[in-house]
Protein backbone atom coordinates (compact mmCIF):
# COMPACT_ATOMS: atom_id res chain seq x y z
CA MET A 1 90.11 135.58 108.39
CA GLU A 2 90.80 136.87 111.89
CA PRO A 3 94.38 136.12 113.05
CA LEU A 4 93.17 134.38 116.23
CA THR A 5 90.84 132.13 114.24
CA LEU A 6 93.71 131.44 111.88
CA ALA A 7 95.89 130.62 114.90
CA GLY A 8 93.38 127.98 115.96
CA LEU A 9 93.43 126.44 112.50
CA VAL A 10 97.23 126.42 112.45
CA GLY A 11 97.34 124.77 115.88
CA LEU A 12 94.82 122.11 114.93
CA SER A 13 96.52 121.41 111.60
CA THR A 14 99.93 121.13 113.30
CA VAL A 15 98.62 118.65 115.86
CA ILE A 16 96.94 116.53 113.19
CA MET A 17 100.05 116.60 111.02
CA LEU A 18 102.40 115.59 113.84
CA PHE A 19 100.06 112.82 114.99
CA SER A 20 99.98 111.43 111.48
CA GLY A 21 103.42 109.96 112.09
CA ILE A 22 105.33 112.32 109.83
CA SER A 23 108.63 113.67 111.16
CA VAL A 24 108.47 116.88 113.19
CA ALA A 25 110.54 118.89 110.68
CA ALA A 26 108.56 117.72 107.66
CA GLY A 27 105.27 118.35 109.48
CA LEU A 28 106.23 121.93 110.31
CA LEU A 29 107.28 122.57 106.71
CA VAL A 30 104.04 121.16 105.29
CA VAL A 31 101.86 123.25 107.62
CA ALA A 32 103.88 126.44 107.07
CA THR A 33 103.95 126.03 103.29
CA GLY A 34 100.25 125.17 103.09
CA PHE A 35 99.03 128.16 105.10
CA LEU A 36 101.34 130.59 103.30
CA LEU A 37 100.11 129.30 99.94
CA ILE A 38 96.43 129.53 100.90
CA PHE A 39 96.41 132.83 102.80
CA ASP A 40 99.37 134.73 101.33
CA GLY A 41 99.61 133.42 97.79
CA ALA A 42 102.26 131.60 95.81
CA ARG A 43 104.60 134.60 95.83
CA SER A 44 105.26 134.04 99.55
CA LEU A 45 106.88 130.69 98.78
CA ILE A 46 109.72 132.27 96.81
CA SER A 47 111.65 133.22 99.93
CA LEU A 48 111.19 129.91 101.78
CA PRO A 49 114.44 128.25 100.60
CA ASP A 50 116.41 131.33 101.68
CA LEU A 51 114.63 131.32 105.06
CA PHE A 52 115.28 127.61 105.51
CA PHE A 53 119.02 127.86 104.98
CA ALA A 54 119.32 131.23 106.75
CA GLU A 55 118.24 129.51 109.98
CA LEU A 56 121.31 127.27 109.69
CA ASN A 57 123.68 130.15 108.95
CA SER A 58 124.80 130.57 112.54
CA PHE A 59 128.20 129.89 114.05
CA ALA A 60 126.52 128.97 117.34
CA LEU A 61 124.90 125.95 115.68
CA LEU A 62 128.32 124.31 115.38
CA SER A 63 128.18 123.58 119.11
CA ILE A 64 125.24 121.20 118.65
CA PRO A 65 127.01 118.46 116.65
CA MET A 66 130.16 118.92 118.74
CA PHE A 67 128.36 118.36 122.04
CA ILE A 68 126.49 115.44 120.50
CA ILE A 69 129.80 113.86 119.44
CA MET A 70 131.09 114.48 122.96
CA GLY A 71 128.14 112.58 124.42
CA ALA A 72 128.25 109.80 121.82
CA ALA A 73 131.95 109.14 122.49
CA ILE A 74 131.20 108.76 126.20
CA ALA A 75 128.08 106.66 125.63
CA SER A 76 130.04 104.21 123.45
CA THR A 77 132.36 103.27 126.34
CA ARG A 78 132.02 101.86 129.84
CA ALA A 79 132.06 105.37 131.29
CA GLY A 80 128.46 105.06 132.49
CA ALA A 81 129.16 101.70 134.13
CA ASP A 82 132.28 103.09 135.80
CA LEU A 83 130.40 106.12 137.10
CA TYR A 84 127.71 103.86 138.49
CA GLU A 85 130.22 101.48 140.08
CA ALA A 86 132.25 104.33 141.62
CA LEU A 87 129.20 105.87 143.27
CA GLU A 88 127.92 102.50 144.39
CA ARG A 89 131.20 101.79 146.20
CA TRP A 90 131.12 105.15 147.97
CA LEU A 91 127.41 105.30 148.83
CA THR A 92 126.53 101.66 149.45
CA ARG A 93 126.11 102.06 153.23
CA VAL A 94 123.66 104.96 152.90
CA PRO A 95 119.96 103.98 153.20
CA GLY A 96 118.74 103.70 149.64
CA GLY A 97 122.37 104.07 148.61
CA LEU A 98 122.00 102.06 145.42
CA VAL A 99 119.19 104.29 144.15
CA ILE A 100 121.24 107.34 145.13
CA SER A 101 124.23 105.89 143.30
CA ASN A 102 122.15 105.51 140.16
CA LEU A 103 120.75 109.04 140.42
CA GLY A 104 124.23 110.48 141.00
CA ALA A 105 125.59 108.51 138.05
CA CYS A 106 122.71 109.77 135.91
CA ALA A 107 123.48 113.37 136.90
CA LEU A 108 127.19 113.05 136.10
CA PHE A 109 126.64 111.11 132.89
CA ALA A 110 123.98 113.62 131.83
CA ALA A 111 126.48 116.43 132.35
CA MET A 112 128.95 114.62 130.10
CA SER A 113 126.54 113.47 127.40
CA GLY A 114 123.71 116.02 127.41
CA SER A 115 121.35 113.26 126.27
CA SER A 116 118.50 111.83 128.32
CA PRO A 117 118.04 108.57 126.33
CA ALA A 118 121.82 107.93 126.36
CA THR A 119 121.90 108.47 130.12
CA CYS A 120 119.00 106.05 130.67
CA ALA A 121 120.62 103.42 128.47
CA ALA A 122 124.14 103.73 129.89
CA ILE A 123 123.20 103.75 133.59
CA GLY A 124 120.13 101.56 133.31
CA LYS A 125 121.98 98.60 131.81
CA MET A 126 124.05 98.32 134.99
CA GLY A 127 121.79 99.86 137.61
CA ILE A 128 118.42 98.19 137.01
CA PRO A 129 119.62 94.56 137.22
CA GLU A 130 121.74 95.36 140.28
CA MET A 131 118.87 97.06 142.14
CA ARG A 132 116.48 94.22 141.35
CA LYS A 133 119.07 91.71 142.56
CA ARG A 134 119.36 93.61 145.86
CA GLY A 135 115.60 93.49 146.43
CA TYR A 136 114.48 96.91 145.26
CA PRO A 137 110.96 96.90 143.73
CA ASP A 138 110.85 96.97 139.93
CA GLY A 139 109.10 100.34 139.95
CA VAL A 140 111.81 101.96 142.08
CA ALA A 141 114.61 100.46 140.00
CA ALA A 142 113.15 101.49 136.65
CA GLY A 143 111.49 104.75 137.69
CA SER A 144 114.60 106.21 139.31
CA ILE A 145 116.69 105.64 136.16
CA ALA A 146 113.96 107.02 133.89
CA ALA A 147 113.74 110.16 136.03
CA GLY A 148 117.49 110.49 136.48
CA GLY A 149 117.94 110.37 132.72
CA THR A 150 115.86 113.52 132.27
CA LEU A 151 118.62 115.54 133.94
CA GLY A 152 120.52 115.33 130.64
CA ILE A 153 118.62 118.26 129.14
CA LEU A 154 119.08 120.58 132.14
CA ILE A 155 122.59 120.07 133.52
CA PRO A 156 125.17 121.77 131.23
CA PRO A 157 126.34 121.28 128.60
CA SER A 158 122.77 120.91 127.34
CA VAL A 159 121.76 120.73 123.67
CA THR A 160 118.27 121.83 124.69
CA MET A 161 119.64 125.02 126.22
CA ILE A 162 121.64 125.69 123.06
CA VAL A 163 118.48 125.36 120.96
CA TYR A 164 116.59 127.71 123.31
CA GLY A 165 119.42 130.23 123.12
CA ILE A 166 119.41 130.15 119.31
CA ALA A 167 115.61 130.37 119.08
CA THR A 168 115.35 133.32 121.48
CA GLU A 169 118.77 134.97 120.94
CA VAL A 170 119.60 134.58 124.64
CA SER A 171 123.21 134.01 125.72
CA ILE A 172 124.01 130.28 125.65
CA GLY A 173 126.69 130.80 128.31
CA ARG A 174 124.13 132.30 130.68
CA LEU A 175 121.71 129.48 129.97
CA PHE A 176 124.33 126.86 130.81
CA LEU A 177 125.08 128.58 134.12
CA ALA A 178 121.37 128.93 134.88
CA GLY A 179 120.95 125.15 134.69
CA VAL A 180 123.63 124.34 137.27
CA PHE A 181 121.89 125.02 140.60
CA PRO A 182 118.39 123.92 139.44
CA GLY A 183 120.00 120.69 138.19
CA ILE A 184 121.66 120.15 141.56
CA MET A 185 118.37 120.98 143.28
CA LEU A 186 116.53 118.30 141.30
CA VAL A 187 119.25 115.76 142.07
CA VAL A 188 118.91 116.56 145.80
CA LEU A 189 115.10 116.28 145.64
CA PHE A 190 115.35 112.94 143.82
CA MET A 191 117.86 111.63 146.36
CA ALA A 192 115.83 112.90 149.32
CA TRP A 193 112.77 111.06 148.05
CA SER A 194 114.83 107.89 147.53
CA ILE A 195 116.24 107.97 151.06
CA TRP A 196 112.85 108.66 152.62
CA SER A 197 111.01 106.00 150.61
CA THR A 198 113.69 103.41 151.41
CA TRP A 199 113.61 104.29 155.10
CA ARG A 200 109.80 104.11 155.09
CA SER A 201 109.91 100.64 153.54
CA GLY A 202 111.96 99.38 156.51
CA ASN A 203 114.45 97.64 154.21
CA ALA A 204 117.26 100.16 154.42
CA GLN A 205 119.76 97.81 156.05
CA VAL A 206 119.02 94.90 153.74
CA LEU A 207 119.27 97.05 150.65
CA SER A 208 122.59 98.52 151.79
CA ALA A 209 124.27 95.33 152.86
CA SER A 210 127.33 95.41 150.58
CA SER A 211 130.59 97.00 151.71
CA TYR A 212 133.85 97.92 150.00
CA THR A 213 137.35 98.56 151.29
CA TRP A 214 139.01 101.96 150.90
CA ARG A 215 141.30 100.45 148.27
CA GLU A 216 138.29 99.32 146.22
CA LYS A 217 136.74 102.75 146.56
CA VAL A 218 139.86 104.60 145.42
CA GLU A 219 140.94 102.32 142.58
CA ILE A 220 137.83 103.08 140.52
CA LEU A 221 138.36 106.86 140.56
CA PRO A 222 141.04 107.14 137.81
CA ARG A 223 138.53 105.90 135.23
CA VAL A 224 136.03 108.60 136.18
CA LEU A 225 138.14 111.66 136.91
CA PRO A 226 139.30 112.35 133.30
CA PHE A 227 135.72 112.79 132.11
CA LEU A 228 134.89 115.04 135.06
CA ALA A 229 138.03 117.05 134.24
CA ILE A 230 136.73 117.53 130.69
CA ILE A 231 133.44 118.92 131.99
CA LEU A 232 135.22 121.36 134.29
CA GLY A 233 137.64 122.25 131.50
CA VAL A 234 134.81 122.94 129.05
CA LEU A 235 133.02 125.18 131.56
CA TYR A 236 136.26 127.00 132.49
CA ALA A 237 137.16 127.64 128.84
CA MET A 238 133.68 128.95 128.15
CA TYR A 239 133.31 131.22 131.16
CA GLY A 240 136.96 132.16 131.48
CA GLY A 241 136.80 133.95 128.16
CA ILE A 242 139.20 131.50 126.53
CA ALA A 243 136.86 130.24 123.80
CA THR A 244 133.33 130.55 122.44
CA PRO A 245 130.77 127.80 123.14
CA SER A 246 131.30 126.35 119.65
CA GLU A 247 135.08 126.28 120.00
CA THR A 248 134.82 124.82 123.48
CA ALA A 249 132.43 122.13 122.27
CA ALA A 250 134.85 121.15 119.49
CA VAL A 251 137.75 120.79 121.93
CA GLY A 252 135.55 118.84 124.37
CA ALA A 253 134.44 116.47 121.62
CA LEU A 254 138.04 115.83 120.56
CA LEU A 255 139.15 115.21 124.16
CA CYS A 256 136.27 112.81 124.80
CA ILE A 257 137.18 110.81 121.70
CA VAL A 258 140.86 110.74 122.75
CA ILE A 259 140.01 109.60 126.28
CA ALA A 260 137.61 106.97 124.93
CA MET A 261 140.46 105.66 122.74
CA VAL A 262 143.15 105.80 125.43
CA ILE A 263 141.27 104.66 128.56
CA TYR A 264 138.61 102.43 127.03
CA ARG A 265 140.63 101.20 124.04
CA LEU A 266 138.12 102.44 121.48
CA TRP A 267 140.60 101.82 118.65
CA SER A 268 138.37 99.96 116.23
CA PRO A 269 137.53 102.03 113.10
CA SER A 270 134.08 100.44 113.10
CA ALA A 271 133.43 101.62 116.66
CA LEU A 272 134.57 105.16 115.83
CA TRP A 273 132.42 105.07 112.71
CA VAL A 274 129.36 104.22 114.82
CA VAL A 275 130.07 107.23 117.07
CA LEU A 276 130.37 109.60 114.11
CA ARG A 277 127.42 108.05 112.24
CA ASP A 278 125.03 108.28 115.17
CA SER A 279 126.20 111.81 116.01
CA THR A 280 125.68 112.94 112.42
CA ARG A 281 122.21 111.40 112.31
CA GLU A 282 121.09 113.12 115.52
CA SER A 283 122.70 116.43 114.56
CA VAL A 284 121.01 116.50 111.15
CA MET A 285 117.67 115.71 112.76
CA ILE A 286 118.00 118.63 115.19
CA LEU A 287 119.29 121.05 112.55
CA PHE A 288 116.46 120.04 110.20
CA ILE A 289 113.92 120.81 112.94
CA ILE A 290 115.62 124.17 113.61
CA ALA A 291 115.44 125.16 109.94
CA ALA A 292 111.82 123.98 109.59
CA ALA A 293 110.83 125.82 112.78
CA GLY A 294 112.32 128.99 111.30
CA VAL A 295 110.01 128.67 108.29
CA PHE A 296 107.08 127.89 110.62
CA SER A 297 107.84 131.01 112.71
CA TYR A 298 108.01 133.09 109.52
CA MET A 299 104.55 131.84 108.56
CA LEU A 300 103.16 132.76 111.98
CA SER A 301 104.65 136.22 111.76
CA SER A 302 103.64 136.84 108.12
CA LEU A 303 100.03 135.96 108.84
CA PHE A 304 100.12 138.12 112.03
CA ILE A 305 99.35 135.12 114.22
CA THR A 306 102.20 135.67 116.66
CA GLN A 307 101.38 139.34 117.08
CA ALA A 308 97.66 138.65 117.55
CA ILE A 309 98.27 136.00 120.22
CA ALA A 310 100.69 138.25 122.11
CA GLU A 311 98.26 141.17 121.91
CA TRP A 312 95.33 139.03 123.05
CA ILE A 313 97.23 137.66 126.05
CA GLY A 314 98.41 141.18 126.88
CA THR A 315 94.79 142.35 127.13
CA LEU A 316 93.89 139.62 129.63
CA ASP A 317 93.35 141.09 133.08
CA VAL A 318 94.97 138.28 135.04
CA ASN A 319 97.72 138.03 137.60
CA ARG A 320 101.10 137.30 136.01
CA TRP A 321 101.43 134.11 138.06
CA VAL A 322 98.09 132.89 136.71
CA LEU A 323 99.54 133.56 133.26
CA MET A 324 102.70 131.62 134.15
CA GLY A 325 100.55 128.77 135.44
CA ALA A 326 98.71 128.64 132.12
CA VAL A 327 102.03 128.65 130.25
CA ASN A 328 103.27 125.76 132.39
CA VAL A 329 100.13 123.73 131.66
CA PHE A 330 100.59 124.38 127.95
CA LEU A 331 104.25 123.31 128.10
CA LEU A 332 103.37 120.16 130.04
CA ILE A 333 100.75 119.13 127.51
CA ALA A 334 103.06 119.91 124.59
CA GLY A 335 105.86 117.94 126.25
CA PHE A 336 103.58 114.90 126.51
CA PHE A 337 103.43 114.64 122.72
CA LEU A 338 106.50 116.34 121.24
CA PRO A 339 110.27 116.13 121.80
CA PRO A 340 111.87 119.01 123.76
CA VAL A 341 113.65 120.51 120.74
CA ALA A 342 110.41 120.74 118.76
CA VAL A 343 108.49 122.34 121.65
CA ILE A 344 111.19 124.92 122.25
CA LEU A 345 111.50 125.91 118.60
CA MET A 346 107.74 126.16 118.13
CA ALA A 347 106.77 127.78 121.43
CA ALA A 348 109.72 129.87 122.61
CA PRO A 349 109.47 132.63 119.97
CA ILE A 350 105.77 133.07 120.80
CA LEU A 351 106.06 132.77 124.59
CA LEU A 352 109.20 134.86 125.12
CA PRO A 353 107.60 138.28 124.37
CA ILE A 354 104.68 137.33 126.59
CA ILE A 355 106.70 136.27 129.61
CA THR A 356 109.11 139.23 129.32
CA ALA A 357 106.16 141.63 129.08
CA ALA A 358 104.83 140.04 132.26
CA GLY A 359 108.12 140.79 134.00
CA PHE A 360 109.70 137.32 134.00
CA ASP A 361 113.38 136.73 133.33
CA PRO A 362 113.99 134.85 130.02
CA ILE A 363 116.94 132.98 131.58
CA TRP A 364 114.77 131.84 134.48
CA PHE A 365 111.99 130.89 132.06
CA ALA A 366 114.42 128.69 130.11
CA VAL A 367 114.94 126.57 133.23
CA ILE A 368 111.19 126.37 133.91
CA LEU A 369 110.58 125.32 130.30
CA THR A 370 113.33 122.70 130.45
CA ILE A 371 111.96 121.10 133.63
CA ASN A 372 108.55 120.90 131.95
CA MET A 373 110.23 119.12 129.05
CA GLU A 374 111.88 116.75 131.55
CA ILE A 375 108.44 115.80 132.86
CA GLY A 376 107.34 115.10 129.29
CA LEU A 377 110.21 112.63 128.87
CA ILE A 378 108.72 110.34 131.53
CA SER A 379 105.04 110.94 130.80
CA PRO A 380 102.83 109.09 128.31
CA PRO A 381 101.92 108.88 125.50
CA VAL A 382 105.41 109.67 124.13
CA GLY A 383 107.58 109.46 127.27
CA LEU A 384 110.80 108.60 125.44
CA ASN A 385 112.67 107.58 128.59
CA LEU A 386 109.93 105.13 129.54
CA TYR A 387 110.42 103.25 126.29
CA VAL A 388 114.21 103.32 126.62
CA ILE A 389 113.93 101.72 130.07
CA ASN A 390 111.40 99.21 128.76
CA GLY A 391 113.86 98.29 126.02
CA ILE A 392 116.57 97.67 128.63
CA ALA A 393 114.29 95.66 130.94
CA PRO A 394 111.45 94.33 128.75
CA ASP A 395 110.08 92.17 131.57
CA ILE A 396 109.17 95.35 133.49
CA SER A 397 105.87 96.71 132.15
CA LEU A 398 105.46 100.30 131.00
CA LYS A 399 102.80 100.75 133.70
CA THR A 400 105.29 99.73 136.42
CA ILE A 401 107.95 102.06 135.02
CA LEU A 402 105.47 104.93 134.85
CA LEU A 403 104.22 104.41 138.42
CA GLY A 404 107.82 104.21 139.63
CA SER A 405 108.67 107.51 137.97
CA LEU A 406 105.60 109.43 139.23
CA PRO A 407 107.18 110.45 142.58
CA TYR A 408 110.02 112.02 140.63
CA VAL A 409 107.51 113.90 138.48
CA LEU A 410 106.14 115.37 141.70
CA CYS A 411 109.71 116.29 142.68
CA MET A 412 110.04 118.19 139.40
CA VAL A 413 106.75 119.99 139.99
CA LEU A 414 108.03 120.91 143.46
CA GLY A 415 111.23 122.12 141.81
CA ILE A 416 109.21 124.44 139.55
CA VAL A 417 107.34 125.82 142.57
CA ILE A 418 110.62 126.41 144.43
CA LEU A 419 112.06 128.22 141.39
CA CYS A 420 108.96 130.41 141.23
CA ILE A 421 109.40 131.35 144.89
CA PHE A 422 113.19 131.67 144.69
CA PRO A 423 114.08 132.61 141.08
CA GLY A 424 117.60 133.46 142.19
CA ILE A 425 118.39 129.72 142.18
CA ALA A 426 118.50 130.01 138.39
CA THR A 427 119.54 133.63 137.89
CA TRP A 428 122.19 134.20 140.57
CA LEU A 429 125.05 132.22 139.03
CA PRO A 430 124.78 133.76 135.51
CA GLU A 431 124.76 137.24 137.03
CA ALA A 432 127.61 136.46 139.42
CA VAL A 433 129.84 135.06 136.66
CA MET A 434 128.87 137.15 133.64
CA GLY A 435 127.33 140.24 135.22
CA PRO A 436 123.76 141.57 134.91
CA ALA A 437 122.07 140.87 131.57
CA ARG A 438 121.62 143.88 129.34
């Protein structure tokens, strides 16, 4: 059978398998094993166990559970509420200040936790009721938190960037740096839309009626600054040559647990057990997907599917930006149905040779891919963040949450366009700090 025809069968089988409700990792293993057995014979299955565990034999993978523990320790405390309250006190007199406070809290909490659902849950529990009480429409209150939560997979430290780095063998340190300015850009675009939409509504003064004294503004800062110091410390240790990403993640996780115990009195063994249990569960899920994706990639390569697709795309006589547009459409559609980690592990090994052959920077492409995955987090039918927000505020319909988040989707699309025009937004900082990539 022709490799391209076989590629179509693999794609169709994978979609059917994943839509059957089976877990992503198990689905990838079933498809990979089935096609190898049918088209390459039983002898090809002998090496699968070695391939499965070889994918996990990487020191860099240690950073994933460590960063997850770091985020879980923060999410188990009032850190999100304190971040929200601190920004509210400082920004309350700005038109749309409460929405801006929530977006800023989402950005900071995302940087500390690296998790979009955790960010939505932590900030949304405080922010949504407060915005509704102040008169903000339900769609604005819910949509802004859903969109702000997506920043968790772009702003470093990001588990998604770690997975991309492992899948493509690109420097994780460079990927973290590449997400800084695009993350800030998205925060600015989100805030600009919030200010403009609030001003357009004519309710800016009503919605910003509260005021705080300087004492009230300053007294909240000691609860927030230690966590921000950890973020800066982690980044300094990583880029100052003091420690590797895995070592830095381990120290950051330990410090987050210590601060959670000291500042937020997280002394209870049961509470600490919940942090470790949930972190272990999420880590195993991600590592299982990574190992299964390695077997899936081996199947694609063994049956010459990857090579045939790359060769076919290389023969297309199209402008490279038309090619990038097609890649973006593919990533958007994939992000509608699959979690970011699964999309990256399945698509990155295939797409990376194509986009590098077209002259695109793999570091820059990582940011483009991640923003596409952010859009998927607030787009049906999966739209994980939409369901998290609906769980927090069940009286707000999914339709209202979706409509409220749509303007932020357009902000992300605008962000992709800006990055295409000015790729240096993503590539300048990695080159300035770590030198040109070899």
